[in-house]
Amino acid sequence: MKVRLTSLRTLAASLALTIGLGAAAPALAAQCGNSAGGFNQWKQEFAQEAVRAGISQGTVQSALMPTSYSNQVIKLDRNQHSMNISLEAFMQRRAPASFVKKGKRIIQQNAGLLNSIEKSYGVQKEIIVAIWGMETGFGANSGSMNIFSSLATLAYDCRRSAFFTEELLAALAIVDRGDMKPSQMKGAWAGEIGQTQFLAKNYLRFAVDGDGNGRRDLINSKADVLASTANFLRQHGWRPGAGYQQGEPNFAILRDWNRAGVYQKALALFASKLAN
């Protein structure tokens, strides 16, 4: 049942400032809903709004129109749990001893790349690799869900429609700019993309071309992934040369990466183990 309207006027205007979309504001308002019944009608309306927001018709047709409503995404969204877990248990789950061993080996094997990134952005190599490990097991599990179906489902759903509308427009812009093809846009259920799980808006704002091929590929390019992760932290206020443990200047920046306190503590601890 459709329960309220979600205007893209303000969303498109703010997103245009962030990512350079061509139009200021679409005139229509796609109507959200809490069941699959209205999804196709919503998609038709949203397609018009996306074009008015500056997305090309070709991208809308290739990326948005094939999407389908995902009951699995809705179920996962409704069943989220807070990270009410001890640091020790969290470390065992997300940064076990095997990850520490593998992370140290990765730092050795990629010394040239990581040293270059650390020099360019002032972010310690071990914190970059720690994020990589905790997010996707160093790229082993980036997610296999269709980003556009996930984001379209969540943008249509009334619970957090405004937030995911912006993310959907940003994901369309990633394709529109030539960074990725629609078929490559696979990730986590809430739309996180790539080996360090960037949301689409963050992808557009902070992803960089680390390998110099003219594209920002956070799914397949290790150089792009690691440089973009460092750039995210630097742009959020990371202080080169300063520490990242609790009580040190850069620990607060970890909150911009993940707001869960146990995650921040685990990340700092994991990085310290990689550095020693």
C-alpha atoms as a PDB file:
ATOM      1  CA  MET A   1       0.000   0.000   0.000  1.00  0.00           C
ATOM      2  CA  LYS A   2       1.316   3.445  -0.896  1.00  0.00           C
ATOM      3  CA  VAL A   3       1.468   5.654   2.141  1.00  0.00           C
ATOM      4  CA  ARG A   4       3.312   8.895   1.376  1.00  0.00           C
ATOM      5  CA  LEU A   5       5.097  10.951  -1.276  1.00  0.00           C
ATOM      6  CA  THR A   6       8.858  11.305  -1.480  1.00  0.00           C
ATOM      7  CA  SER A   7       9.917  14.383  -3.429  1.00  0.00           C
ATOM      8  CA  LEU A   8      13.311  14.339  -5.108  1.00  0.00           C
ATOM      9  CA  ARG A   9      13.443  18.115  -5.461  1.00  0.00           C
ATOM     10  CA  THR A  10      15.677  18.776  -2.452  1.00  0.00           C
ATOM     11  CA  LEU A  11      17.531  15.478  -2.850  1.00  0.00           C
ATOM     12  CA  ALA A  12      18.458  16.086  -6.455  1.00  0.00           C
ATOM     13  CA  ALA A  13      19.574  19.634  -5.751  1.00  0.00           C
ATOM     14  CA  SER A  14      21.876  18.573  -2.925  1.00  0.00           C
ATOM     15  CA  LEU A  15      23.189  15.619  -4.884  1.00  0.00           C
ATOM     16  CA  ALA A  16      23.891  17.850  -7.869  1.00  0.00           C
ATOM     17  CA  LEU A  17      26.197  19.940  -5.698  1.00  0.00           C
ATOM     18  CA  THR A  18      27.998  16.819  -4.520  1.00  0.00           C
ATOM     19  CA  ILE A  19      28.470  14.940  -7.770  1.00  0.00           C
ATOM     20  CA  GLY A  20      27.813  17.448 -10.518  1.00  0.00           C
ATOM     21  CA  LEU A  21      24.516  16.206 -11.917  1.00  0.00           C
ATOM     22  CA  GLY A  22      23.229  18.473 -14.604  1.00  0.00           C
ATOM     23  CA  ALA A  23      19.724  19.378 -13.448  1.00  0.00           C
ATOM     24  CA  ALA A  24      18.662  21.151 -10.310  1.00  0.00           C
ATOM     25  CA  ALA A  25      15.422  19.369  -9.438  1.00  0.00           C
ATOM     26  CA  PRO A  26      12.937  16.967 -11.003  1.00  0.00           C
ATOM     27  CA  ALA A  27       9.323  18.047 -11.095  1.00  0.00           C
ATOM     28  CA  LEU A  28       7.647  14.763 -10.199  1.00  0.00           C
ATOM     29  CA  ALA A  29       7.564  12.809  -6.971  1.00  0.00           C
ATOM     30  CA  ALA A  30       7.771   9.030  -7.054  1.00  0.00           C
ATOM     31  CA  GLN A  31       5.453   7.518  -4.477  1.00  0.00           C
ATOM     32  CA  CYS A  32       6.988   5.141  -1.961  1.00  0.00           C
ATOM     33  CA  GLY A  33       5.291   1.992  -0.718  1.00  0.00           C
ATOM     34  CA  ASN A  34       5.621  -0.826   1.766  1.00  0.00           C
ATOM     35  CA  SER A  35       4.811  -3.766  -0.500  1.00  0.00           C
ATOM     36  CA  ALA A  36       5.916  -5.001  -3.900  1.00  0.00           C
ATOM     37  CA  GLY A  37       2.628  -4.045  -5.536  1.00  0.00           C
ATOM     38  CA  GLY A  38       3.516  -0.479  -6.447  1.00  0.00           C
ATOM     39  CA  PHE A  39       7.184  -1.005  -7.283  1.00  0.00           C
ATOM     40  CA  ASN A  40       6.914  -1.042 -11.075  1.00  0.00           C
ATOM     41  CA  GLN A  41       4.826   2.137 -11.126  1.00  0.00           C
ATOM     42  CA  TRP A  42       7.304   3.784  -8.757  1.00  0.00           C
ATOM     43  CA  LYS A  43      10.160   2.717 -11.034  1.00  0.00           C
ATOM     44  CA  GLN A  44       8.529   4.340 -14.059  1.00  0.00           C
ATOM     45  CA  GLU A  45       8.080   7.590 -12.140  1.00  0.00           C
ATOM     46  CA  PHE A  46      11.568   7.468 -10.668  1.00  0.00           C
ATOM     47  CA  ALA A  47      13.077   6.918 -14.117  1.00  0.00           C
ATOM     48  CA  GLN A  48      11.654  10.260 -15.238  1.00  0.00           C
ATOM     49  CA  GLU A  49      12.952  11.930 -12.099  1.00  0.00           C
ATOM     50  CA  ALA A  50      16.423  10.468 -12.559  1.00  0.00           C
ATOM     51  CA  VAL A  51      16.623  11.887 -16.083  1.00  0.00           C
ATOM     52  CA  ARG A  52      15.497  15.270 -14.780  1.00  0.00           C
ATOM     53  CA  ALA A  53      18.210  15.007 -12.119  1.00  0.00           C
ATOM     54  CA  GLY A  54      20.853  14.659 -14.832  1.00  0.00           C
ATOM     55  CA  ILE A  55      21.162  10.898 -15.367  1.00  0.00           C
ATOM     56  CA  SER A  56      21.273   9.859 -19.027  1.00  0.00           C
ATOM     57  CA  GLN A  57      18.398   7.953 -20.561  1.00  0.00           C
ATOM     58  CA  GLY A  58      20.799   5.182 -21.543  1.00  0.00           C
ATOM     59  CA  THR A  59      21.920   4.625 -17.958  1.00  0.00           C
ATOM     60  CA  VAL A  60      18.337   4.668 -16.703  1.00  0.00           C
ATOM     61  CA  GLN A  61      17.374   2.016 -19.247  1.00  0.00           C
ATOM     62  CA  SER A  62      20.383  -0.233 -18.652  1.00  0.00           C
ATOM     63  CA  ALA A  63      20.739   0.083 -14.878  1.00  0.00           C
ATOM     64  CA  LEU A  64      17.393   1.082 -13.363  1.00  0.00           C
ATOM     65  CA  MET A  65      14.712  -0.448 -15.545  1.00  0.00           C
ATOM     66  CA  PRO A  66      15.848  -4.106 -15.188  1.00  0.00           C
ATOM     67  CA  THR A  67      15.643  -3.895 -11.378  1.00  0.00           C
ATOM     68  CA  SER A  68      13.204  -5.980  -9.379  1.00  0.00           C
ATOM     69  CA  TYR A  69      11.754  -5.650  -5.902  1.00  0.00           C
ATOM     70  CA  SER A  70      13.741  -7.705  -3.389  1.00  0.00           C
ATOM     71  CA  ASN A  71      11.937  -9.250  -0.440  1.00  0.00           C
ATOM     72  CA  GLN A  72      15.327 -10.481   0.751  1.00  0.00           C
ATOM     73  CA  VAL A  73      16.629  -6.910   1.025  1.00  0.00           C
ATOM     74  CA  ILE A  74      13.556  -5.825   2.986  1.00  0.00           C
ATOM     75  CA  LYS A  75      13.960  -8.772   5.346  1.00  0.00           C
ATOM     76  CA  LEU A  76      17.627  -7.952   5.932  1.00  0.00           C
ATOM     77  CA  ASP A  77      16.791  -4.288   6.474  1.00  0.00           C
ATOM     78  CA  ARG A  78      14.161  -5.129   9.087  1.00  0.00           C
ATOM     79  CA  ASN A  79      16.380  -7.616  10.923  1.00  0.00           C
ATOM     80  CA  GLN A  80      19.449  -5.473  11.541  1.00  0.00           C
ATOM     81  CA  HIS A  81      21.077  -5.847  14.941  1.00  0.00           C
ATOM     82  CA  SER A  82      23.233  -3.388  16.822  1.00  0.00           C
ATOM     83  CA  MET A  83      26.867  -4.291  17.434  1.00  0.00           C
ATOM     84  CA  ASN A  84      26.272  -5.135  21.083  1.00  0.00           C
ATOM     85  CA  ILE A  85      29.271  -7.434  21.318  1.00  0.00           C
ATOM     86  CA  SER A  86      32.527  -7.474  23.245  1.00  0.00           C
ATOM     87  CA  LEU A  87      35.730  -6.311  21.593  1.00  0.00           C
ATOM     88  CA  GLU A  88      37.233  -9.780  21.997  1.00  0.00           C
ATOM     89  CA  ALA A  89      34.279 -11.468  20.294  1.00  0.00           C
ATOM     90  CA  PHE A  90      34.228  -8.873  17.539  1.00  0.00           C
ATOM     91  CA  MET A  91      37.939  -9.370  16.875  1.00  0.00           C
ATOM     92  CA  GLN A  92      37.463 -13.124  16.649  1.00  0.00           C
ATOM     93  CA  ARG A  93      34.723 -12.581  14.092  1.00  0.00           C
ATOM     94  CA  ARG A  94      36.171  -9.772  11.957  1.00  0.00           C
ATOM     95  CA  ALA A  95      39.932  -9.728  12.593  1.00  0.00           C
ATOM     96  CA  PRO A  96      41.072 -13.189  13.719  1.00  0.00           C
ATOM     97  CA  ALA A  97      44.700 -14.244  14.012  1.00  0.00           C
ATOM     98  CA  SER A  98      44.621 -15.596  10.453  1.00  0.00           C
ATOM     99  CA  PHE A  99      43.704 -12.112   9.201  1.00  0.00           C
ATOM    100  CA  VAL A 100      46.609 -10.570  11.093  1.00  0.00           C
ATOM    101  CA  LYS A 101      48.985 -13.045   9.481  1.00  0.00           C
ATOM    102  CA  LYS A 102      47.503 -12.479   6.031  1.00  0.00           C
ATOM    103  CA  GLY A 103      47.441  -8.708   6.491  1.00  0.00           C
ATOM    104  CA  LYS A 104      51.140  -8.612   7.340  1.00  0.00           C
ATOM    105  CA  ARG A 105      51.882 -10.658   4.242  1.00  0.00           C
ATOM    106  CA  ILE A 106      49.783  -8.291   2.118  1.00  0.00           C
ATOM    107  CA  ILE A 107      51.701  -5.291   3.451  1.00  0.00           C
ATOM    108  CA  GLN A 108      54.991  -6.942   2.504  1.00  0.00           C
ATOM    109  CA  GLN A 109      53.789  -8.005  -0.936  1.00  0.00           C
ATOM    110  CA  ASN A 110      52.331  -4.575  -1.744  1.00  0.00           C
ATOM    111  CA  ALA A 111      54.979  -2.417  -0.103  1.00  0.00           C
ATOM    112  CA  GLY A 112      55.518  -0.185  -3.121  1.00  0.00           C
ATOM    113  CA  LEU A 113      51.833   0.575  -3.636  1.00  0.00           C
ATOM    114  CA  LEU A 114      51.082   1.059   0.057  1.00  0.00           C
ATOM    115  CA  ASN A 115      54.125   3.247   0.665  1.00  0.00           C
ATOM    116  CA  SER A 116      53.114   5.439  -2.268  1.00  0.00           C
ATOM    117  CA  ILE A 117      49.563   5.771  -0.946  1.00  0.00           C
ATOM    118  CA  GLU A 118      50.798   6.545   2.566  1.00  0.00           C
ATOM    119  CA  LYS A 119      53.097   9.236   1.176  1.00  0.00           C
ATOM    120  CA  SER A 120      50.314  10.774  -0.935  1.00  0.00           C
ATOM    121  CA  TYR A 121      47.547  10.782   1.683  1.00  0.00           C
ATOM    122  CA  GLY A 122      49.352  10.617   5.017  1.00  0.00           C
ATOM    123  CA  VAL A 123      47.334   7.604   6.153  1.00  0.00           C
ATOM    124  CA  GLN A 124      49.282   4.733   7.687  1.00  0.00           C
ATOM    125  CA  LYS A 125      49.354   1.625   5.509  1.00  0.00           C
ATOM    126  CA  GLU A 126      48.285  -0.660   8.348  1.00  0.00           C
ATOM    127  CA  ILE A 127      45.018   1.199   8.935  1.00  0.00           C
ATOM    128  CA  ILE A 128      44.178   0.959   5.221  1.00  0.00           C
ATOM    129  CA  VAL A 129      44.880  -2.774   5.170  1.00  0.00           C
ATOM    130  CA  ALA A 130      42.971  -3.260   8.435  1.00  0.00           C
ATOM    131  CA  ILE A 131      39.872  -1.664   6.901  1.00  0.00           C
ATOM    132  CA  TRP A 132      40.285  -3.837   3.815  1.00  0.00           C
ATOM    133  CA  GLY A 133      40.464  -6.949   5.962  1.00  0.00           C
ATOM    134  CA  MET A 134      37.574  -6.113   8.272  1.00  0.00           C
ATOM    135  CA  GLU A 135      35.226  -5.025   5.510  1.00  0.00           C
ATOM    136  CA  THR A 136      35.601  -7.865   3.009  1.00  0.00           C
ATOM    137  CA  GLY A 137      38.413 -10.175   4.100  1.00  0.00           C
ATOM    138  CA  PHE A 138      40.848  -8.323   1.822  1.00  0.00           C
ATOM    139  CA  GLY A 139      38.417  -8.375  -1.087  1.00  0.00           C
ATOM    140  CA  ALA A 140      37.315 -11.991  -0.775  1.00  0.00           C
ATOM    141  CA  ASN A 141      33.686 -11.180   0.077  1.00  0.00           C
ATOM    142  CA  SER A 142      32.546  -7.904  -1.463  1.00  0.00           C
ATOM    143  CA  GLY A 143      28.968  -9.094  -1.943  1.00  0.00           C
ATOM    144  CA  SER A 144      27.116 -10.505  -4.926  1.00  0.00           C
ATOM    145  CA  MET A 145      23.752  -8.754  -4.772  1.00  0.00           C
ATOM    146  CA  ASN A 146      22.559  -6.483  -7.565  1.00  0.00           C
ATOM    147  CA  ILE A 147      23.272  -2.972  -6.293  1.00  0.00           C
ATOM    148  CA  PHE A 148      20.524  -1.377  -8.342  1.00  0.00           C
ATOM    149  CA  SER A 149      17.790  -3.791  -7.280  1.00  0.00           C
ATOM    150  CA  SER A 150      18.855  -3.396  -3.653  1.00  0.00           C
ATOM    151  CA  LEU A 151      18.924   0.402  -3.762  1.00  0.00           C
ATOM    152  CA  ALA A 152      15.737   0.659  -5.818  1.00  0.00           C
ATOM    153  CA  THR A 153      13.930  -1.560  -3.312  1.00  0.00           C
ATOM    154  CA  LEU A 154      15.129   0.549  -0.384  1.00  0.00           C
ATOM    155  CA  ALA A 155      14.439   3.849  -2.165  1.00  0.00           C
ATOM    156  CA  TYR A 156      10.893   2.701  -2.914  1.00  0.00           C
ATOM    157  CA  ASP A 157      10.370   1.422   0.640  1.00  0.00           C
ATOM    158  CA  CYS A 158       8.965   4.174   2.846  1.00  0.00           C
ATOM    159  CA  ARG A 159      11.124   3.527   5.917  1.00  0.00           C
ATOM    160  CA  ARG A 160      14.306   5.264   4.696  1.00  0.00           C
ATOM    161  CA  SER A 161      13.270   6.395   1.252  1.00  0.00           C
ATOM    162  CA  ALA A 162      15.045   9.767   1.286  1.00  0.00           C
ATOM    163  CA  PHE A 163      18.429   8.301   2.223  1.00  0.00           C
ATOM    164  CA  PHE A 164      18.333   5.515  -0.345  1.00  0.00           C
ATOM    165  CA  THR A 165      16.929   7.756  -3.066  1.00  0.00           C
ATOM    166  CA  GLU A 166      20.165   9.736  -2.891  1.00  0.00           C
ATOM    167  CA  GLU A 167      22.190   6.522  -2.902  1.00  0.00           C
ATOM    168  CA  LEU A 168      20.314   5.208  -5.942  1.00  0.00           C
ATOM    169  CA  LEU A 169      20.873   8.426  -7.875  1.00  0.00           C
ATOM    170  CA  ALA A 170      24.554   8.299  -6.934  1.00  0.00           C
ATOM    171  CA  ALA A 171      24.856   4.678  -8.082  1.00  0.00           C
ATOM    172  CA  LEU A 172      23.307   5.631 -11.410  1.00  0.00           C
ATOM    173  CA  ALA A 173      25.819   8.476 -11.664  1.00  0.00           C
ATOM    174  CA  ILE A 174      28.712   6.022 -11.152  1.00  0.00           C
ATOM    175  CA  VAL A 175      27.603   4.187 -14.284  1.00  0.00           C
ATOM    176  CA  ASP A 176      26.828   7.426 -16.108  1.00  0.00           C
ATOM    177  CA  ARG A 177      30.373   8.683 -15.537  1.00  0.00           C
ATOM    178  CA  GLY A 178      31.856   5.506 -16.966  1.00  0.00           C
ATOM    179  CA  ASP A 179      33.468   4.184 -13.801  1.00  0.00           C
ATOM    180  CA  MET A 180      31.492   0.930 -13.810  1.00  0.00           C
ATOM    181  CA  LYS A 181      29.060  -0.998 -16.002  1.00  0.00           C
ATOM    182  CA  PRO A 182      25.637  -1.962 -14.594  1.00  0.00           C
ATOM    183  CA  SER A 183      26.603  -5.641 -14.718  1.00  0.00           C
ATOM    184  CA  GLN A 184      29.632  -4.935 -12.516  1.00  0.00           C
ATOM    185  CA  MET A 185      27.612  -3.257  -9.776  1.00  0.00           C
ATOM    186  CA  LYS A 186      27.424  -6.106  -7.298  1.00  0.00           C
ATOM    187  CA  GLY A 187      27.757  -5.646  -3.560  1.00  0.00           C
ATOM    188  CA  ALA A 188      26.113  -5.866  -0.165  1.00  0.00           C
ATOM    189  CA  TRP A 189      22.374  -5.803   0.457  1.00  0.00           C
ATOM    190  CA  ALA A 190      22.273  -2.125   1.497  1.00  0.00           C
ATOM    191  CA  GLY A 191      24.180  -0.974  -1.567  1.00  0.00           C
ATOM    192  CA  GLU A 192      27.752  -0.992  -0.279  1.00  0.00           C
ATOM    193  CA  ILE A 193      30.143  -1.295  -3.200  1.00  0.00           C
ATOM    194  CA  GLY A 194      33.602  -2.740  -3.571  1.00  0.00           C
ATOM    195  CA  GLN A 195      36.400  -4.178  -1.500  1.00  0.00           C
ATOM    196  CA  THR A 196      36.079  -1.617   1.296  1.00  0.00           C
ATOM    197  CA  GLN A 197      32.299  -1.225   0.977  1.00  0.00           C
ATOM    198  CA  PHE A 198      31.745   2.379  -0.113  1.00  0.00           C
ATOM    199  CA  LEU A 199      28.208   3.691  -0.261  1.00  0.00           C
ATOM    200  CA  ALA A 200      27.477   5.174  -3.677  1.00  0.00           C
ATOM    201  CA  LYS A 201      27.608   8.822  -2.582  1.00  0.00           C
ATOM    202  CA  ASN A 202      30.950   8.211  -0.899  1.00  0.00           C
ATOM    203  CA  TYR A 203      32.136   6.441  -4.034  1.00  0.00           C
ATOM    204  CA  LEU A 204      31.439   9.579  -6.063  1.00  0.00           C
ATOM    205  CA  ARG A 205      32.952  11.949  -3.515  1.00  0.00           C
ATOM    206  CA  PHE A 206      36.040  10.074  -2.377  1.00  0.00           C
ATOM    207  CA  ALA A 207      36.971   7.336  -4.863  1.00  0.00           C
ATOM    208  CA  VAL A 208      40.173   8.025  -6.805  1.00  0.00           C
ATOM    209  CA  ASP A 209      41.901   6.510  -9.817  1.00  0.00           C
ATOM    210  CA  GLY A 210      44.807   4.802  -8.120  1.00  0.00           C
ATOM    211  CA  ASP A 211      46.034   2.794 -11.106  1.00  0.00           C
ATOM    212  CA  GLY A 212      45.861   5.623 -13.638  1.00  0.00           C
ATOM    213  CA  ASN A 213      43.525   3.952 -16.135  1.00  0.00           C
ATOM    214  CA  GLY A 214      40.999   6.794 -16.114  1.00  0.00           C
ATOM    215  CA  ARG A 215      38.345   4.913 -14.116  1.00  0.00           C
ATOM    216  CA  ARG A 216      37.593   4.523 -10.427  1.00  0.00           C
ATOM    217  CA  ASP A 217      36.962   0.832  -9.936  1.00  0.00           C
ATOM    218  CA  LEU A 218      36.475  -0.132  -6.293  1.00  0.00           C
ATOM    219  CA  ILE A 219      35.470  -3.680  -7.175  1.00  0.00           C
ATOM    220  CA  ASN A 220      38.383  -4.914  -9.286  1.00  0.00           C
ATOM    221  CA  SER A 221      41.295  -2.476  -8.892  1.00  0.00           C
ATOM    222  CA  LYS A 222      43.394  -2.948  -5.761  1.00  0.00           C
ATOM    223  CA  ALA A 223      45.147   0.380  -6.306  1.00  0.00           C
ATOM    224  CA  ASP A 224      41.832   2.227  -6.630  1.00  0.00           C
ATOM    225  CA  VAL A 225      40.437   0.492  -3.536  1.00  0.00           C
ATOM    226  CA  LEU A 226      43.359   1.273  -1.248  1.00  0.00           C
ATOM    227  CA  ALA A 227      43.957   4.818  -2.484  1.00  0.00           C
ATOM    228  CA  SER A 228      40.246   5.632  -2.224  1.00  0.00           C
ATOM    229  CA  THR A 229      40.103   4.312   1.336  1.00  0.00           C
ATOM    230  CA  ALA A 230      43.046   6.509   2.269  1.00  0.00           C
ATOM    231  CA  ASN A 231      41.460   9.497   0.528  1.00  0.00           C
ATOM    232  CA  PHE A 232      38.214   9.003   2.452  1.00  0.00           C
ATOM    233  CA  LEU A 233      40.062   9.178   5.758  1.00  0.00           C
ATOM    234  CA  ARG A 234      42.217  12.127   4.723  1.00  0.00           C
ATOM    235  CA  GLN A 235      39.203  14.098   3.491  1.00  0.00           C
ATOM    236  CA  HIS A 236      37.485  13.484   6.823  1.00  0.00           C
ATOM    237  CA  GLY A 237      40.352  15.078   8.723  1.00  0.00           C
ATOM    238  CA  TRP A 238      43.026  12.411   9.131  1.00  0.00           C
ATOM    239  CA  ARG A 239      46.215  14.016  10.433  1.00  0.00           C
ATOM    240  CA  PRO A 240      49.386  12.658   8.779  1.00  0.00           C
ATOM    241  CA  GLY A 241      51.826  11.299  11.309  1.00  0.00           C
ATOM    242  CA  ALA A 242      49.349  11.327  14.199  1.00  0.00           C
ATOM    243  CA  GLY A 243      48.259   8.187  16.034  1.00  0.00           C
ATOM    244  CA  TYR A 244      44.969   6.349  15.652  1.00  0.00           C
ATOM    245  CA  GLN A 245      44.597   4.586  19.002  1.00  0.00           C
ATOM    246  CA  GLN A 246      42.047   5.713  21.605  1.00  0.00           C
ATOM    247  CA  GLY A 247      42.998   9.144  22.909  1.00  0.00           C
ATOM    248  CA  GLU A 248      45.080   9.962  19.827  1.00  0.00           C
ATOM    249  CA  PRO A 249      43.997  12.499  17.177  1.00  0.00           C
ATOM    250  CA  ASN A 250      42.997  10.123  14.388  1.00  0.00           C
ATOM    251  CA  PHE A 251      40.891   7.748  16.458  1.00  0.00           C
ATOM    252  CA  ALA A 252      37.924  10.118  16.132  1.00  0.00           C
ATOM    253  CA  ILE A 253      38.171   9.897  12.334  1.00  0.00           C
ATOM    254  CA  LEU A 254      37.451   6.171  12.506  1.00  0.00           C
ATOM    255  CA  ARG A 255      33.911   7.105  13.554  1.00  0.00           C
ATOM    256  CA  ASP A 256      33.386   8.602  10.113  1.00  0.00           C
ATOM    257  CA  TRP A 257      34.166   5.209   8.655  1.00  0.00           C
ATOM    258  CA  ASN A 258      31.926   3.251  11.035  1.00  0.00           C
ATOM    259  CA  ARG A 259      29.896   4.665  13.910  1.00  0.00           C
ATOM    260  CA  ALA A 260      29.985   1.521  16.048  1.00  0.00           C
ATOM    261  CA  GLY A 261      32.368   1.976  18.960  1.00  0.00           C
ATOM    262  CA  VAL A 262      33.400  -1.672  18.983  1.00  0.00           C
ATOM    263  CA  TYR A 263      34.270  -1.442  15.287  1.00  0.00           C
ATOM    264  CA  GLN A 264      36.494   1.592  15.862  1.00  0.00           C
ATOM    265  CA  LYS A 265      38.327  -0.107  18.730  1.00  0.00           C
ATOM    266  CA  ALA A 266      38.739  -3.317  16.737  1.00  0.00           C
ATOM    267  CA  LEU A 267      40.045  -1.432  13.724  1.00  0.00           C
ATOM    268  CA  ALA A 268      42.654   0.392  15.796  1.00  0.00           C
ATOM    269  CA  LEU A 269      43.700  -2.840  17.498  1.00  0.00           C
ATOM    270  CA  PHE A 270      43.876  -4.764  14.230  1.00  0.00           C
ATOM    271  CA  ALA A 271      46.014  -2.040  12.645  1.00  0.00           C
ATOM    272  CA  SER A 272      48.396  -1.996  15.604  1.00  0.00           C
ATOM    273  CA  LYS A 273      48.883  -5.749  15.239  1.00  0.00           C
ATOM    274  CA  LEU A 274      49.642  -5.336  11.549  1.00  0.00           C
ATOM    275  CA  ALA A 275      52.216  -2.649  12.331  1.00  0.00           C
ATOM    276  CA  ASN A 276      54.123  -4.777  14.862  1.00  0.00           C
END
